[in-house]
Amino acid sequence: MESIIIESIKNMSLLDCVILLILIIGVDWLKSYFTKKGSNNADKEDTRITSYEGKKGVNVADEEDQLNQVQKERLIKILYLAEKINQSITKYVLYFYDYTTRAKFDRLVEDLNSLLTDVYHEQRLANLFLPKEEQDILDNLLTYLSGIVVELSTNSTNAASRITLYNEYLQLARENKDAEQFYWNEAIRVKNQLDEISAKELMFKKELQNAIKEYVEWLGKYIKENIRTVN
């Protein structure tokens, strides 16, 4: 076989030999080129995959941190709403110093029920990530928040209706001289009812404040931060 190849080469012209040599060198170069290119592409792909996996790990960690932060803020917001409802007790007491208008009591009822709705909404979302054994503290807080809102709303509604009557009787006393004393007496009677409502002890006040303290203690341990409350 080799003798045949050698004989063929002898019979080739110089130009044909040069062309053959170029072809042989070219094939070897192309083979070497594509081998190296394939190796480089493989290295680049490995680098890209490694970089992607690294970034993916960082992104997952960032997402977990963000999720934990959202969960933490949700639990803190529940405390904020609870404190807002608790502070409404002070407003409620102060409103009894003025019997000229019922608007403040009507607004208080509306605000309280809006706050309670927000608390229930936040609780439902919090229970999506809180372990079952950790949900009791929220249930306990919601029980007393609901109790104080119902109590304040009922008393405020009663106070608002009596303030309306009180002012109507005062107006009638000024306009009807013949029955002035009667209307004055009615106004005094209604005012006494208002004073009784004002003096009525709020059954859920102490329980709510204790529930908030318990929630604060639990929250501090759960999120591993010191929590300051609004007194």
Protein backbone atom coordinates (compact mmCIF):
# COMPACT_ATOMS: atom_id res chain seq x y z
CA MET A 1 0.00 0.00 0.00
CA GLU A 2 2.79 2.39 0.92
CA SER A 3 4.64 1.53 -2.34
CA ILE A 4 1.53 2.41 -4.31
CA ILE A 5 1.24 5.77 -2.51
CA ILE A 6 4.96 6.48 -3.05
CA GLU A 7 4.69 5.56 -6.72
CA SER A 8 1.66 7.84 -7.08
CA ILE A 9 3.55 10.70 -5.51
CA LYS A 10 6.49 10.14 -7.90
CA ASN A 11 4.15 10.44 -10.85
CA MET A 12 2.65 13.73 -9.49
CA SER A 13 3.83 17.07 -10.70
CA LEU A 14 5.49 19.51 -8.36
CA LEU A 15 2.31 21.62 -8.25
CA ASP A 16 0.19 18.60 -7.34
CA CYS A 17 2.62 17.74 -4.55
CA VAL A 18 2.44 21.23 -3.13
CA ILE A 19 -1.37 21.17 -3.22
CA LEU A 20 -1.42 17.78 -1.50
CA LEU A 21 0.93 19.02 1.21
CA ILE A 22 -1.24 22.07 1.80
CA LEU A 23 -4.33 19.88 2.10
CA ILE A 24 -2.63 17.58 4.59
CA ILE A 25 -1.44 20.52 6.72
CA GLY A 26 -4.86 22.20 6.46
CA VAL A 27 -6.73 19.11 7.63
CA ASP A 28 -4.43 18.75 10.64
CA TRP A 29 -4.85 22.44 11.48
CA LEU A 30 -8.64 22.30 11.21
CA LYS A 31 -8.72 19.18 13.37
CA SER A 32 -6.59 20.91 16.01
CA TYR A 33 -8.64 24.12 15.77
CA PHE A 34 -12.03 22.50 16.29
CA THR A 35 -10.67 20.32 19.08
CA LYS A 36 -9.43 23.39 20.96
CA LYS A 37 -12.60 25.35 20.19
CA GLY A 38 -14.74 22.56 21.56
CA SER A 39 -12.62 22.45 24.70
CA ASN A 40 -12.86 26.22 25.14
CA ASN A 41 -16.63 26.19 24.64
CA ALA A 42 -16.95 23.44 27.22
CA ASP A 43 -14.85 25.46 29.68
CA LYS A 44 -16.98 28.55 29.05
CA GLU A 45 -20.19 26.56 29.55
CA ASP A 46 -18.87 25.11 32.82
CA THR A 47 -17.95 28.64 33.97
CA ARG A 48 -21.39 29.97 32.99
CA ILE A 49 -23.19 27.15 34.79
CA THR A 50 -21.06 27.61 37.90
CA SER A 51 -21.70 31.37 37.84
CA TYR A 52 -25.44 30.82 37.36
CA GLU A 53 -25.67 28.35 40.22
CA GLY A 54 -23.76 30.77 42.45
CA LYS A 55 -26.06 33.67 41.57
CA LYS A 56 -29.08 31.41 41.96
CA GLY A 57 -27.99 30.55 45.49
CA VAL A 58 -27.54 34.22 46.31
CA ASN A 59 -30.96 35.10 44.86
CA VAL A 60 -32.66 32.36 46.86
CA ALA A 61 -30.99 33.63 50.03
CA ASP A 62 -32.07 37.20 49.22
CA GLU A 63 -35.64 36.06 48.61
CA GLU A 64 -35.70 34.20 51.92
CA ASP A 65 -34.39 37.30 53.73
CA GLN A 66 -37.04 39.43 52.06
CA LEU A 67 -39.76 36.94 52.97
CA ASN A 68 -38.61 36.83 56.59
CA GLN A 69 -38.63 40.63 56.67
CA VAL A 70 -42.19 40.76 55.30
CA GLN A 71 -43.32 38.22 57.89
CA LYS A 72 -41.63 40.19 60.67
CA GLU A 73 -43.26 43.44 59.53
CA ARG A 74 -46.67 41.75 59.44
CA LEU A 75 -46.37 40.65 63.08
CA ILE A 76 -45.18 44.13 64.09
CA LYS A 77 -48.12 45.68 62.21
CA ILE A 78 -50.52 43.55 64.26
CA LEU A 79 -48.97 45.05 67.39
CA TYR A 80 -49.34 48.54 65.92
CA LEU A 81 -53.04 47.99 65.19
CA ALA A 82 -53.59 46.52 68.67
CA GLU A 83 -51.99 49.59 70.25
CA LYS A 84 -54.15 51.88 68.11
CA ILE A 85 -57.27 50.14 69.39
CA ASN A 86 -55.98 50.31 72.96
CA GLN A 87 -55.29 54.04 72.60
CA SER A 88 -58.88 54.53 71.47
CA ILE A 89 -59.92 53.91 75.06
CA THR A 90 -58.33 57.24 76.01
CA LYS A 91 -60.20 59.02 73.21
CA TYR A 92 -63.43 57.39 74.34
CA VAL A 93 -63.00 58.68 77.89
CA LEU A 94 -62.14 62.20 76.76
CA TYR A 95 -65.15 62.43 74.44
CA PHE A 96 -67.51 62.39 77.43
CA TYR A 97 -66.26 65.84 78.44
CA ASP A 98 -68.21 67.35 75.54
CA TYR A 99 -71.91 66.73 74.97
CA THR A 100 -72.36 69.30 72.20
CA THR A 101 -71.98 66.88 69.28
CA ARG A 102 -72.20 63.15 68.65
CA ALA A 103 -69.90 63.14 65.61
CA LYS A 104 -66.79 62.15 67.57
CA PHE A 105 -68.49 59.01 68.91
CA ASP A 106 -69.77 58.06 65.46
CA ARG A 107 -66.26 58.47 64.06
CA LEU A 108 -64.78 56.41 66.90
CA VAL A 109 -67.09 53.48 66.11
CA GLU A 110 -66.15 53.63 62.45
CA ASP A 111 -62.42 53.82 63.19
CA LEU A 112 -62.51 50.97 65.70
CA ASN A 113 -64.27 48.58 63.36
CA SER A 114 -61.92 49.49 60.52
CA LEU A 115 -58.90 48.77 62.74
CA LEU A 116 -60.36 45.45 63.86
CA THR A 117 -60.96 44.43 60.24
CA ASP A 118 -57.31 45.22 59.46
CA VAL A 119 -56.14 43.14 62.43
CA TYR A 120 -58.15 40.12 61.28
CA HIS A 121 -56.73 40.51 57.77
CA GLU A 122 -53.16 40.61 59.06
CA GLN A 123 -53.82 37.64 61.32
CA ARG A 124 -55.03 35.51 58.41
CA LEU A 125 -51.86 36.34 56.47
CA ALA A 126 -49.64 35.74 59.51
CA ASN A 127 -51.18 32.32 60.08
CA LEU A 128 -49.98 31.28 56.62
CA PHE A 129 -46.38 31.18 57.89
CA LEU A 130 -46.76 30.85 61.66
CA PRO A 131 -46.47 27.31 63.05
CA LYS A 132 -49.73 26.01 64.47
CA GLU A 133 -48.40 26.09 68.03
CA GLU A 134 -47.50 29.79 67.64
CA GLN A 135 -50.96 30.89 66.48
CA ASP A 136 -52.60 30.72 69.90
CA ILE A 137 -50.97 33.99 70.99
CA LEU A 138 -52.61 35.78 68.06
CA ASP A 139 -55.97 34.16 68.74
CA ASN A 140 -55.80 35.32 72.35
CA LEU A 141 -54.95 38.89 71.32
CA LEU A 142 -57.76 38.96 68.74
CA THR A 143 -60.26 37.74 71.34
CA TYR A 144 -59.68 40.75 73.59
CA LEU A 145 -59.35 43.20 70.71
CA SER A 146 -62.75 42.07 69.46
CA GLY A 147 -64.18 42.34 72.97
CA ILE A 148 -63.01 45.92 73.56
CA VAL A 149 -64.14 47.03 70.09
CA VAL A 150 -67.63 45.63 70.64
CA GLU A 151 -67.77 47.19 74.10
CA LEU A 152 -66.54 50.62 72.98
CA SER A 153 -68.74 50.57 69.89
CA THR A 154 -71.87 49.71 71.89
CA ASN A 155 -71.22 52.37 74.53
CA SER A 156 -70.29 54.97 71.92
CA THR A 157 -73.47 54.30 69.92
CA ASN A 158 -75.57 54.64 73.07
CA ALA A 159 -73.72 57.82 74.01
CA ALA A 160 -74.19 59.29 70.53
CA SER A 161 -77.95 58.74 70.56
CA ARG A 162 -78.28 60.31 74.01
CA ILE A 163 -76.17 63.31 73.02
CA THR A 164 -78.64 63.89 70.20
CA LEU A 165 -81.55 63.71 72.65
CA TYR A 166 -79.78 65.93 75.16
CA ASN A 167 -79.25 68.69 72.62
CA GLU A 168 -82.79 68.37 71.29
CA TYR A 169 -84.23 68.81 74.80
CA LEU A 170 -82.03 71.84 75.41
CA GLN A 171 -83.25 73.37 72.17
CA LEU A 172 -86.90 72.64 73.02
CA ALA A 173 -86.42 74.17 76.49
CA ARG A 174 -85.17 77.39 74.91
CA GLU A 175 -88.00 77.49 72.38
CA ASN A 176 -90.96 76.53 74.62
CA LYS A 177 -91.23 78.74 77.66
CA ASP A 178 -94.43 77.08 78.81
CA ALA A 179 -92.82 73.64 78.89
CA GLU A 180 -89.30 74.86 79.61
CA GLN A 181 -89.01 73.08 82.94
CA PHE A 182 -90.21 69.80 81.48
CA TYR A 183 -87.60 69.84 78.74
CA TRP A 184 -84.90 70.90 81.17
CA ASN A 185 -85.77 67.93 83.33
CA GLU A 186 -85.62 65.62 80.30
CA ALA A 187 -82.26 67.04 79.32
CA ILE A 188 -80.92 66.44 82.84
CA ARG A 189 -82.28 62.87 82.79
CA VAL A 190 -80.50 62.11 79.52
CA LYS A 191 -77.31 63.76 80.80
CA ASN A 192 -77.39 61.47 83.82
CA GLN A 193 -77.61 58.50 81.46
CA LEU A 194 -74.56 59.82 79.62
CA ASP A 195 -72.71 60.12 82.90
CA GLU A 196 -73.60 56.53 83.74
CA ILE A 197 -72.23 55.32 80.42
CA SER A 198 -69.06 57.34 80.99
CA ALA A 199 -68.60 55.87 84.46
CA LYS A 200 -69.21 52.28 83.33
CA GLU A 201 -66.07 50.19 83.73
CA LEU A 202 -64.77 48.62 80.53
CA MET A 203 -64.69 44.87 81.11
CA PHE A 204 -62.09 44.12 78.43
CA LYS A 205 -59.71 46.99 79.15
CA LYS A 206 -57.43 45.17 81.61
CA GLU A 207 -57.55 41.89 79.69
CA LEU A 208 -56.59 43.62 76.46
CA GLN A 209 -53.62 45.38 78.01
CA ASN A 210 -52.40 42.07 79.47
CA ALA A 211 -52.87 40.37 76.09
CA ILE A 212 -50.79 43.09 74.39
CA LYS A 213 -48.00 42.63 76.94
CA GLU A 214 -48.00 38.87 76.36
CA TYR A 215 -47.91 39.40 72.60
CA VAL A 216 -44.98 41.83 72.93
CA GLU A 217 -43.00 39.30 75.00
CA TRP A 218 -43.72 36.53 72.49
CA LEU A 219 -42.96 38.77 69.49
CA GLY A 220 -39.58 39.82 70.89
CA LYS A 221 -38.55 36.19 71.29
CA TYR A 222 -39.97 35.11 67.93
CA ILE A 223 -38.19 37.76 65.82
CA LYS A 224 -35.21 37.97 68.20
CA GLU A 225 -35.46 41.74 68.69
CA ASN A 226 -36.32 44.05 71.56
CA ILE A 227 -39.81 45.50 71.19
CA ARG A 228 -40.81 48.82 72.71
CA THR A 229 -44.50 49.43 73.26
CA VAL A 230 -46.64 52.54 73.37
CA ASN A 231 -47.94 53.09 76.89
